[in-house]
Amino acid sequence: EELGIWLFVDVLSFGERAFTIFGFTITGQMVAKVFLA
């Protein structure tokens, strides 16, 4: 999981992305955590 999050956030730049659903902001870090979970 740590390796995957690092790859998504730092290598694939998911950390720079975010979107809002029903007023909640979901960061790229959280998207990576869901996938890796």
PDB file of all heavy atoms in Angstrom:
ATOM      1  N   GLU A   1       0.822  -1.209   0.000  1.00  0.00           N
ATOM      2  CA  GLU A   1       0.000   0.000   0.000  1.00  0.00           C
ATOM      3  C   GLU A   1       0.858   1.263   0.000  1.00  0.00           C
ATOM      4  O   GLU A   1       0.597   2.204  -0.754  1.00  0.00           O
ATOM      5  CB  GLU A   1      -0.952   0.005   1.194  1.00  0.00           C
ATOM      6  CG  GLU A   1      -1.884   1.195   1.190  1.00  0.00           C
ATOM      7  CD  GLU A   1      -2.848   1.225   2.366  1.00  0.00           C
ATOM      8  OE1 GLU A   1      -2.576   0.575   3.391  1.00  0.00           O
ATOM      9  OE2 GLU A   1      -3.863   1.920   2.247  1.00  0.00           O
ATOM     10  N   GLU A   2       1.879   1.321   0.839  1.00  0.00           N
ATOM     11  CA  GLU A   2       2.752   2.503   0.900  1.00  0.00           C
ATOM     12  C   GLU A   2       3.435   2.736  -0.446  1.00  0.00           C
ATOM     13  O   GLU A   2       3.470   3.871  -0.940  1.00  0.00           O
ATOM     14  CB  GLU A   2       3.820   2.344   1.995  1.00  0.00           C
ATOM     15  CG  GLU A   2       3.322   2.564   3.399  1.00  0.00           C
ATOM     16  CD  GLU A   2       3.173   4.022   3.780  1.00  0.00           C
ATOM     17  OE1 GLU A   2       4.143   4.643   4.253  1.00  0.00           O
ATOM     18  OE2 GLU A   2       2.066   4.542   3.617  1.00  0.00           O
ATOM     19  N   LEU A   3       3.955   1.664  -1.039  1.00  0.00           N
ATOM     20  CA  LEU A   3       4.599   1.775  -2.347  1.00  0.00           C
ATOM     21  C   LEU A   3       3.582   2.246  -3.391  1.00  0.00           C
ATOM     22  O   LEU A   3       3.876   3.135  -4.199  1.00  0.00           O
ATOM     23  CB  LEU A   3       5.212   0.439  -2.763  1.00  0.00           C
ATOM     24  CG  LEU A   3       5.873   0.407  -4.139  1.00  0.00           C
ATOM     25  CD1 LEU A   3       7.060   1.368  -4.195  1.00  0.00           C
ATOM     26  CD2 LEU A   3       6.323  -1.010  -4.471  1.00  0.00           C
ATOM     27  N   GLY A   4       2.395   1.678  -3.352  1.00  0.00           N
ATOM     28  CA  GLY A   4       1.349   2.064  -4.293  1.00  0.00           C
ATOM     29  C   GLY A   4       0.927   3.510  -4.142  1.00  0.00           C
ATOM     30  O   GLY A   4       0.781   4.235  -5.138  1.00  0.00           O
ATOM     31  N   ILE A   5       0.749   3.956  -2.905  1.00  0.00           N
ATOM     32  CA  ILE A   5       0.366   5.358  -2.676  1.00  0.00           C
ATOM     33  C   ILE A   5       1.472   6.293  -3.164  1.00  0.00           C
ATOM     34  O   ILE A   5       1.205   7.294  -3.825  1.00  0.00           O
ATOM     35  CB  ILE A   5       0.025   5.613  -1.195  1.00  0.00           C
ATOM     36  CG1 ILE A   5      -1.310   4.957  -0.849  1.00  0.00           C
ATOM     37  CG2 ILE A   5      -0.041   7.108  -0.889  1.00  0.00           C
ATOM     38  CD1 ILE A   5      -1.689   5.069   0.600  1.00  0.00           C
ATOM     39  N   TRP A   6       2.703   5.942  -2.852  1.00  0.00           N
ATOM     40  CA  TRP A   6       3.824   6.761  -3.308  1.00  0.00           C
ATOM     41  C   TRP A   6       3.842   6.834  -4.843  1.00  0.00           C
ATOM     42  O   TRP A   6       4.005   7.919  -5.414  1.00  0.00           O
ATOM     43  CB  TRP A   6       5.146   6.191  -2.774  1.00  0.00           C
ATOM     44  CG  TRP A   6       6.336   6.896  -3.360  1.00  0.00           C
ATOM     45  CD1 TRP A   6       6.817   8.117  -2.999  1.00  0.00           C
ATOM     46  CD2 TRP A   6       7.152   6.428  -4.417  1.00  0.00           C
ATOM     47  NE1 TRP A   6       7.909   8.442  -3.769  1.00  0.00           N
ATOM     48  CE2 TRP A   6       8.130   7.414  -4.647  1.00  0.00           C
ATOM     49  CE3 TRP A   6       7.173   5.270  -5.190  1.00  0.00           C
ATOM     50  CZ2 TRP A   6       9.110   7.273  -5.635  1.00  0.00           C
ATOM     51  CZ3 TRP A   6       8.144   5.131  -6.163  1.00  0.00           C
ATOM     52  CH2 TRP A   6       9.099   6.128  -6.378  1.00  0.00           C
ATOM     53  N   LEU A   7       3.645   5.686  -5.503  1.00  0.00           N
ATOM     54  CA  LEU A   7       3.626   5.682  -6.970  1.00  0.00           C
ATOM     55  C   LEU A   7       2.490   6.548  -7.519  1.00  0.00           C
ATOM     56  O   LEU A   7       2.702   7.362  -8.427  1.00  0.00           O
ATOM     57  CB  LEU A   7       3.484   4.251  -7.502  1.00  0.00           C
ATOM     58  CG  LEU A   7       4.723   3.376  -7.409  1.00  0.00           C
ATOM     59  CD1 LEU A   7       4.394   1.921  -7.753  1.00  0.00           C
ATOM     60  CD2 LEU A   7       5.818   3.895  -8.332  1.00  0.00           C
ATOM     61  N   PHE A   8       1.290   6.384  -6.952  1.00  0.00           N
ATOM     62  CA  PHE A   8       0.151   7.175  -7.426  1.00  0.00           C
ATOM     63  C   PHE A   8       0.347   8.671  -7.173  1.00  0.00           C
ATOM     64  O   PHE A   8       0.097   9.493  -8.049  1.00  0.00           O
ATOM     65  CB  PHE A   8      -1.153   6.720  -6.752  1.00  0.00           C
ATOM     66  CG  PHE A   8      -1.799   5.543  -7.414  1.00  0.00           C
ATOM     67  CD1 PHE A   8      -1.721   4.281  -6.843  1.00  0.00           C
ATOM     68  CD2 PHE A   8      -2.492   5.692  -8.606  1.00  0.00           C
ATOM     69  CE1 PHE A   8      -2.318   3.192  -7.447  1.00  0.00           C
ATOM     70  CE2 PHE A   8      -3.098   4.607  -9.221  1.00  0.00           C
ATOM     71  CZ  PHE A   8      -3.009   3.344  -8.644  1.00  0.00           C
ATOM     72  N   VAL A   9       0.789   9.012  -5.954  1.00  0.00           N
ATOM     73  CA  VAL A   9       0.860  10.427  -5.573  1.00  0.00           C
ATOM     74  C   VAL A   9       2.077  11.122  -6.183  1.00  0.00           C
ATOM     75  O   VAL A   9       1.950  12.178  -6.811  1.00  0.00           O
ATOM     76  CB  VAL A   9       0.847  10.585  -4.035  1.00  0.00           C
ATOM     77  CG1 VAL A   9       1.108  12.022  -3.619  1.00  0.00           C
ATOM     78  CG2 VAL A   9      -0.490  10.108  -3.482  1.00  0.00           C
ATOM     79  N   ASP A  10       3.249  10.554  -6.008  1.00  0.00           N
ATOM     80  CA  ASP A  10       4.465  11.240  -6.451  1.00  0.00           C
ATOM     81  C   ASP A  10       4.838  10.952  -7.902  1.00  0.00           C
ATOM     82  O   ASP A  10       5.287  11.843  -8.611  1.00  0.00           O
ATOM     83  CB  ASP A  10       5.642  10.883  -5.543  1.00  0.00           C
ATOM     84  CG  ASP A  10       5.543  11.546  -4.187  1.00  0.00           C
ATOM     85  OD1 ASP A  10       4.792  12.528  -4.060  1.00  0.00           O
ATOM     86  OD2 ASP A  10       6.211  11.084  -3.252  1.00  0.00           O
ATOM     87  N   VAL A  11       4.688   9.738  -8.350  1.00  0.00           N
ATOM     88  CA  VAL A  11       5.107   9.387  -9.705  1.00  0.00           C
ATOM     89  C   VAL A  11       4.018   9.713 -10.725  1.00  0.00           C
ATOM     90  O   VAL A  11       4.283  10.305 -11.771  1.00  0.00           O
ATOM     91  CB  VAL A  11       5.519   7.894  -9.790  1.00  0.00           C
ATOM     92  CG1 VAL A  11       5.888   7.499 -11.208  1.00  0.00           C
ATOM     93  CG2 VAL A  11       6.677   7.613  -8.831  1.00  0.00           C
ATOM     94  N   LEU A  12       2.776   9.347 -10.419  1.00  0.00           N
ATOM     95  CA  LEU A  12       1.674   9.575 -11.352  1.00  0.00           C
ATOM     96  C   LEU A  12       0.923  10.877 -11.094  1.00  0.00           C
ATOM     97  O   LEU A  12      -0.070  11.163 -11.753  1.00  0.00           O
ATOM     98  CB  LEU A  12       0.703   8.386 -11.312  1.00  0.00           C
ATOM     99  CG  LEU A  12       1.313   7.031 -11.681  1.00  0.00           C
ATOM    100  CD1 LEU A  12       0.298   5.916 -11.481  1.00  0.00           C
ATOM    101  CD2 LEU A  12       1.830   7.046 -13.120  1.00  0.00           C
ATOM    102  N   SER A  13       1.370  11.643 -10.101  1.00  0.00           N
ATOM    103  CA  SER A  13       0.826  12.978  -9.787  1.00  0.00           C
ATOM    104  C   SER A  13      -0.653  12.990  -9.382  1.00  0.00           C
ATOM    105  O   SER A  13      -1.354  13.975  -9.605  1.00  0.00           O
ATOM    106  CB  SER A  13       1.034  13.936 -10.973  1.00  0.00           C
ATOM    107  OG  SER A  13       2.400  14.039 -11.281  1.00  0.00           O
ATOM    108  N   PHE A  14      -1.126  11.911  -8.770  1.00  0.00           N
ATOM    109  CA  PHE A  14      -2.503  11.890  -8.280  1.00  0.00           C
ATOM    110  C   PHE A  14      -2.704  12.899  -7.154  1.00  0.00           C
ATOM    111  O   PHE A  14      -3.813  13.360  -6.933  1.00  0.00           O
ATOM    112  CB  PHE A  14      -2.874  10.492  -7.748  1.00  0.00           C
ATOM    113  CG  PHE A  14      -3.506   9.600  -8.767  1.00  0.00           C
ATOM    114  CD1 PHE A  14      -2.895   9.356  -9.989  1.00  0.00           C
ATOM    115  CD2 PHE A  14      -4.713   8.979  -8.503  1.00  0.00           C
ATOM    116  CE1 PHE A  14      -3.465   8.527 -10.919  1.00  0.00           C
ATOM    117  CE2 PHE A  14      -5.301   8.147  -9.436  1.00  0.00           C
ATOM    118  CZ  PHE A  14      -4.670   7.918 -10.653  1.00  0.00           C
ATOM    119  N   GLY A  15      -1.630  13.245  -6.446  1.00  0.00           N
ATOM    120  CA  GLY A  15      -1.725  14.186  -5.341  1.00  0.00           C
ATOM    121  C   GLY A  15      -2.163  15.572  -5.791  1.00  0.00           C
ATOM    122  O   GLY A  15      -2.674  16.355  -5.000  1.00  0.00           O
ATOM    123  N   GLU A  16      -1.972  15.865  -7.062  1.00  0.00           N
ATOM    124  CA  GLU A  16      -2.352  17.173  -7.593  1.00  0.00           C
ATOM    125  C   GLU A  16      -3.812  17.211  -8.031  1.00  0.00           C
ATOM    126  O   GLU A  16      -4.320  18.248  -8.408  1.00  0.00           O
ATOM    127  CB  GLU A  16      -1.454  17.515  -8.781  1.00  0.00           C
ATOM    128  CG  GLU A  16       0.007  17.606  -8.393  1.00  0.00           C
ATOM    129  CD  GLU A  16       0.927  17.656  -9.608  1.00  0.00           C
ATOM    130  OE1 GLU A  16       0.426  17.772 -10.745  1.00  0.00           O
ATOM    131  OE2 GLU A  16       2.146  17.561  -9.403  1.00  0.00           O
ATOM    132  N   ARG A  17      -4.477  16.070  -7.998  1.00  0.00           N
ATOM    133  CA  ARG A  17      -5.858  15.992  -8.469  1.00  0.00           C
ATOM    134  C   ARG A  17      -6.829  15.918  -7.287  1.00  0.00           C
ATOM    135  O   ARG A  17      -6.516  15.361  -6.250  1.00  0.00           O
ATOM    136  CB  ARG A  17      -6.039  14.772  -9.352  1.00  0.00           C
ATOM    137  CG  ARG A  17      -5.247  14.853 -10.651  1.00  0.00           C
ATOM    138  CD  ARG A  17      -5.308  13.532 -11.403  1.00  0.00           C
ATOM    139  NE  ARG A  17      -4.692  13.584 -12.709  1.00  0.00           N
ATOM    140  CZ  ARG A  17      -3.384  13.527 -12.912  1.00  0.00           C
ATOM    141  NH1 ARG A  17      -2.558  13.431 -11.898  1.00  0.00           N
ATOM    142  NH2 ARG A  17      -2.901  13.562 -14.128  1.00  0.00           N
ATOM    143  N   ALA A  18      -8.007  16.458  -7.508  1.00  0.00           N
ATOM    144  CA  ALA A  18      -9.084  16.368  -6.517  1.00  0.00           C
ATOM    145  C   ALA A  18     -10.396  16.643  -7.241  1.00  0.00           C
ATOM    146  O   ALA A  18     -10.427  17.324  -8.265  1.00  0.00           O
ATOM    147  CB  ALA A  18      -8.887  17.379  -5.401  1.00  0.00           C
ATOM    148  N   PHE A  19     -11.462  16.065  -6.724  1.00  0.00           N
ATOM    149  CA  PHE A  19     -12.782  16.346  -7.279  1.00  0.00           C
ATOM    150  C   PHE A  19     -13.797  16.342  -6.148  1.00  0.00           C
ATOM    151  O   PHE A  19     -13.530  15.839  -5.063  1.00  0.00           O
ATOM    152  CB  PHE A  19     -13.160  15.364  -8.401  1.00  0.00           C
ATOM    153  CG  PHE A  19     -13.120  13.926  -8.015  1.00  0.00           C
ATOM    154  CD1 PHE A  19     -14.271  13.276  -7.585  1.00  0.00           C
ATOM    155  CD2 PHE A  19     -11.938  13.199  -8.072  1.00  0.00           C
ATOM    156  CE1 PHE A  19     -14.245  11.949  -7.228  1.00  0.00           C
ATOM    157  CE2 PHE A  19     -11.904  11.867  -7.715  1.00  0.00           C
ATOM    158  CZ  PHE A  19     -13.059  11.236  -7.294  1.00  0.00           C
ATOM    159  N   THR A  20     -14.948  16.950  -6.431  1.00  0.00           N
ATOM    160  CA  THR A  20     -15.966  17.110  -5.401  1.00  0.00           C
ATOM    161  C   THR A  20     -17.220  16.330  -5.786  1.00  0.00           C
ATOM    162  O   THR A  20     -17.692  16.423  -6.914  1.00  0.00           O
ATOM    163  CB  THR A  20     -16.315  18.596  -5.222  1.00  0.00           C
ATOM    164  OG1 THR A  20     -15.108  19.304  -4.930  1.00  0.00           O
ATOM    165  CG2 THR A  20     -17.309  18.805  -4.102  1.00  0.00           C
ATOM    166  N   ILE A  21     -17.720  15.545  -4.834  1.00  0.00           N
ATOM    167  CA  ILE A  21     -18.965  14.799  -5.001  1.00  0.00           C
ATOM    168  C   ILE A  21     -19.845  15.112  -3.799  1.00  0.00           C
ATOM    169  O   ILE A  21     -19.423  14.925  -2.656  1.00  0.00           O
ATOM    170  CB  ILE A  21     -18.723  13.280  -5.082  1.00  0.00           C
ATOM    171  CG1 ILE A  21     -17.850  12.928  -6.274  1.00  0.00           C
ATOM    172  CG2 ILE A  21     -20.036  12.523  -5.144  1.00  0.00           C
ATOM    173  CD1 ILE A  21     -17.521  11.456  -6.387  1.00  0.00           C
ATOM    174  N   PHE A  22     -21.049  15.576  -4.066  1.00  0.00           N
ATOM    175  CA  PHE A  22     -22.011  15.894  -3.013  1.00  0.00           C
ATOM    176  C   PHE A  22     -21.415  16.800  -1.932  1.00  0.00           C
ATOM    177  O   PHE A  22     -21.654  16.623  -0.743  1.00  0.00           O
ATOM    178  CB  PHE A  22     -22.577  14.623  -2.369  1.00  0.00           C
ATOM    179  CG  PHE A  22     -23.211  13.683  -3.344  1.00  0.00           C
ATOM    180  CD1 PHE A  22     -22.685  12.422  -3.548  1.00  0.00           C
ATOM    181  CD2 PHE A  22     -24.330  14.058  -4.070  1.00  0.00           C
ATOM    182  CE1 PHE A  22     -23.259  11.541  -4.450  1.00  0.00           C
ATOM    183  CE2 PHE A  22     -24.916  13.184  -4.980  1.00  0.00           C
ATOM    184  CZ  PHE A  22     -24.384  11.926  -5.176  1.00  0.00           C
ATOM    185  N   GLY A  23     -20.571  17.726  -2.359  1.00  0.00           N
ATOM    186  CA  GLY A  23     -19.987  18.680  -1.427  1.00  0.00           C
ATOM    187  C   GLY A  23     -18.737  18.187  -0.714  1.00  0.00           C
ATOM    188  O   GLY A  23     -18.145  18.919   0.065  1.00  0.00           O
ATOM    189  N   PHE A  24     -18.335  16.959  -0.965  1.00  0.00           N
ATOM    190  CA  PHE A  24     -17.126  16.410  -0.342  1.00  0.00           C
ATOM    191  C   PHE A  24     -15.992  16.413  -1.358  1.00  0.00           C
ATOM    192  O   PHE A  24     -16.155  15.919  -2.472  1.00  0.00           O
ATOM    193  CB  PHE A  24     -17.350  14.976   0.140  1.00  0.00           C
ATOM    194  CG  PHE A  24     -18.312  14.859   1.282  1.00  0.00           C
ATOM    195  CD1 PHE A  24     -19.617  14.454   1.061  1.00  0.00           C
ATOM    196  CD2 PHE A  24     -17.917  15.148   2.571  1.00  0.00           C
ATOM    197  CE1 PHE A  24     -20.516  14.344   2.101  1.00  0.00           C
ATOM    198  CE2 PHE A  24     -18.803  15.048   3.628  1.00  0.00           C
ATOM    199  CZ  PHE A  24     -20.102  14.647   3.394  1.00  0.00           C
ATOM    200  N   THR A  25     -14.854  16.939  -0.958  1.00  0.00           N
ATOM    201  CA  THR A  25     -13.686  16.937  -1.839  1.00  0.00           C
ATOM    202  C   THR A  25     -12.924  15.638  -1.615  1.00  0.00           C
ATOM    203  O   THR A  25     -12.594  15.278  -0.489  1.00  0.00           O
ATOM    204  CB  THR A  25     -12.777  18.141  -1.541  1.00  0.00           C
ATOM    205  OG1 THR A  25     -13.531  19.324  -1.759  1.00  0.00           O
ATOM    206  CG2 THR A  25     -11.551  18.133  -2.426  1.00  0.00           C
ATOM    207  N   ILE A  26     -12.673  14.954  -2.709  1.00  0.00           N
ATOM    208  CA  ILE A  26     -11.929  13.699  -2.658  1.00  0.00           C
ATOM    209  C   ILE A  26     -10.591  13.937  -3.347  1.00  0.00           C
ATOM    210  O   ILE A  26     -10.546  14.291  -4.531  1.00  0.00           O
ATOM    211  CB  ILE A  26     -12.710  12.559  -3.333  1.00  0.00           C
ATOM    212  CG1 ILE A  26     -14.053  12.376  -2.624  1.00  0.00           C
ATOM    213  CG2 ILE A  26     -11.896  11.275  -3.334  1.00  0.00           C
ATOM    214  CD1 ILE A  26     -14.974  11.390  -3.263  1.00  0.00           C
ATOM    215  N   THR A  27      -9.519  13.744  -2.588  1.00  0.00           N
ATOM    216  CA  THR A  27      -8.177  13.996  -3.116  1.00  0.00           C
ATOM    217  C   THR A  27      -7.673  12.789  -3.895  1.00  0.00           C
ATOM    218  O   THR A  27      -8.183  11.675  -3.760  1.00  0.00           O
ATOM    219  CB  THR A  27      -7.190  14.282  -1.976  1.00  0.00           C
ATOM    220  OG1 THR A  27      -7.053  13.107  -1.177  1.00  0.00           O
ATOM    221  CG2 THR A  27      -7.639  15.458  -1.116  1.00  0.00           C
ATOM    222  N   GLY A  28      -6.648  13.026  -4.680  1.00  0.00           N
ATOM    223  CA  GLY A  28      -5.998  11.943  -5.412  1.00  0.00           C
ATOM    224  C   GLY A  28      -5.406  10.909  -4.474  1.00  0.00           C
ATOM    225  O   GLY A  28      -5.358   9.717  -4.787  1.00  0.00           O
ATOM    226  N   GLN A  29      -4.971  11.355  -3.303  1.00  0.00           N
ATOM    227  CA  GLN A  29      -4.446  10.418  -2.301  1.00  0.00           C
ATOM    228  C   GLN A  29      -5.527   9.433  -1.878  1.00  0.00           C
ATOM    229  O   GLN A  29      -5.275   8.237  -1.746  1.00  0.00           O
ATOM    230  CB  GLN A  29      -3.920  11.172  -1.082  1.00  0.00           C
ATOM    231  CG  GLN A  29      -2.721  12.023  -1.372  1.00  0.00           C
ATOM    232  CD  GLN A  29      -2.337  12.897  -0.196  1.00  0.00           C
ATOM    233  OE1 GLN A  29      -2.984  12.891   0.847  1.00  0.00           O
ATOM    234  NE2 GLN A  29      -1.280  13.665  -0.366  1.00  0.00           N
ATOM    235  N   MET A  30      -6.750   9.937  -1.672  1.00  0.00           N
ATOM    236  CA  MET A  30      -7.841   9.076  -1.236  1.00  0.00           C
ATOM    237  C   MET A  30      -8.257   8.131  -2.362  1.00  0.00           C
ATOM    238  O   MET A  30      -8.576   6.969  -2.108  1.00  0.00           O
ATOM    239  CB  MET A  30      -9.025   9.913  -0.749  1.00  0.00           C
ATOM    240  CG  MET A  30     -10.029   9.128   0.045  1.00  0.00           C
ATOM    241  SD  MET A  30      -9.356   8.253   1.502  1.00  0.00           S
ATOM    242  CE  MET A  30      -9.344   9.538   2.713  1.00  0.00           C
ATOM    243  N   VAL A  31      -8.239   8.603  -3.607  1.00  0.00           N
ATOM    244  CA  VAL A  31      -8.540   7.731  -4.746  1.00  0.00           C
ATOM    245  C   VAL A  31      -7.538   6.582  -4.784  1.00  0.00           C
ATOM    246  O   VAL A  31      -7.909   5.418  -4.972  1.00  0.00           O
ATOM    247  CB  VAL A  31      -8.534   8.525  -6.075  1.00  0.00           C
ATOM    248  CG1 VAL A  31      -8.630   7.591  -7.273  1.00  0.00           C
ATOM    249  CG2 VAL A  31      -9.665   9.542  -6.090  1.00  0.00           C
ATOM    250  N   ALA A  32      -6.273   6.897  -4.588  1.00  0.00           N
ATOM    251  CA  ALA A  32      -5.229   5.867  -4.566  1.00  0.00           C
ATOM    252  C   ALA A  32      -5.477   4.876  -3.428  1.00  0.00           C
ATOM    253  O   ALA A  32      -5.348   3.657  -3.611  1.00  0.00           O
ATOM    254  CB  ALA A  32      -3.852   6.511  -4.420  1.00  0.00           C
ATOM    255  N   LYS A  33      -5.855   5.376  -2.249  1.00  0.00           N
ATOM    256  CA  LYS A  33      -6.126   4.492  -1.108  1.00  0.00           C
ATOM    257  C   LYS A  33      -7.297   3.555  -1.398  1.00  0.00           C
ATOM    258  O   LYS A  33      -7.253   2.381  -1.038  1.00  0.00           O
ATOM    259  CB  LYS A  33      -6.419   5.301   0.167  1.00  0.00           C
ATOM    260  CG  LYS A  33      -5.161   5.713   0.895  1.00  0.00           C
ATOM    261  CD  LYS A  33      -5.441   6.259   2.261  1.00  0.00           C
ATOM    262  CE  LYS A  33      -5.909   5.276   3.280  1.00  0.00           C
ATOM    263  NZ  LYS A  33      -4.985   4.211   3.657  1.00  0.00           N
ATOM    264  N   VAL A  34      -8.328   4.062  -2.056  1.00  0.00           N
ATOM    265  CA  VAL A  34      -9.489   3.217  -2.379  1.00  0.00           C
ATOM    266  C   VAL A  34      -9.074   2.095  -3.324  1.00  0.00           C
ATOM    267  O   VAL A  34      -9.395   0.922  -3.098  1.00  0.00           O
ATOM    268  CB  VAL A  34     -10.634   4.064  -2.991  1.00  0.00           C
ATOM    269  CG1 VAL A  34     -11.722   3.175  -3.575  1.00  0.00           C
ATOM    270  CG2 VAL A  34     -11.211   5.007  -1.952  1.00  0.00           C
ATOM    271  N   PHE A  35      -8.360   2.440  -4.373  1.00  0.00           N
ATOM    272  CA  PHE A  35      -7.897   1.440  -5.333  1.00  0.00           C
ATOM    273  C   PHE A  35      -7.021   0.389  -4.655  1.00  0.00           C
ATOM    274  O   PHE A  35      -7.214  -0.821  -4.821  1.00  0.00           O
ATOM    275  CB  PHE A  35      -7.129   2.126  -6.475  1.00  0.00           C
ATOM    276  CG  PHE A  35      -6.509   1.166  -7.437  1.00  0.00           C
ATOM    277  CD1 PHE A  35      -7.291   0.499  -8.368  1.00  0.00           C
ATOM    278  CD2 PHE A  35      -5.143   0.916  -7.408  1.00  0.00           C
ATOM    279  CE1 PHE A  35      -6.719  -0.409  -9.263  1.00  0.00           C
ATOM    280  CE2 PHE A  35      -4.562   0.017  -8.290  1.00  0.00           C
ATOM    281  CZ  PHE A  35      -5.354  -0.646  -9.214  1.00  0.00           C
ATOM    282  N   LEU A  36      -6.078   0.846  -3.858  1.00  0.00           N
ATOM    283  CA  LEU A  36      -5.154  -0.065  -3.190  1.00  0.00           C
ATOM    284  C   LEU A  36      -5.837  -0.869  -2.082  1.00  0.00           C
ATOM    285  O   LEU A  36      -5.423  -1.985  -1.786  1.00  0.00           O
ATOM    286  CB  LEU A  36      -3.958   0.708  -2.643  1.00  0.00           C
ATOM    287  CG  LEU A  36      -3.043   1.258  -3.737  1.00  0.00           C
ATOM    288  CD1 LEU A  36      -2.148   2.352  -3.197  1.00  0.00           C
ATOM    289  CD2 LEU A  36      -2.241   0.143  -4.374  1.00  0.00           C
ATOM    290  N   ALA A  37      -6.886  -0.324  -1.485  1.00  0.00           N
ATOM    291  CA  ALA A  37      -7.611  -1.040  -0.426  1.00  0.00           C
ATOM    292  C   ALA A  37      -8.178  -2.355  -0.946  1.00  0.00           C
ATOM    293  O   ALA A  37      -8.173  -3.364  -0.239  1.00  0.00           O
ATOM    294  CB  ALA A  37      -8.724  -0.171   0.146  1.00  0.00           C
TER     295      ALA A  37
END
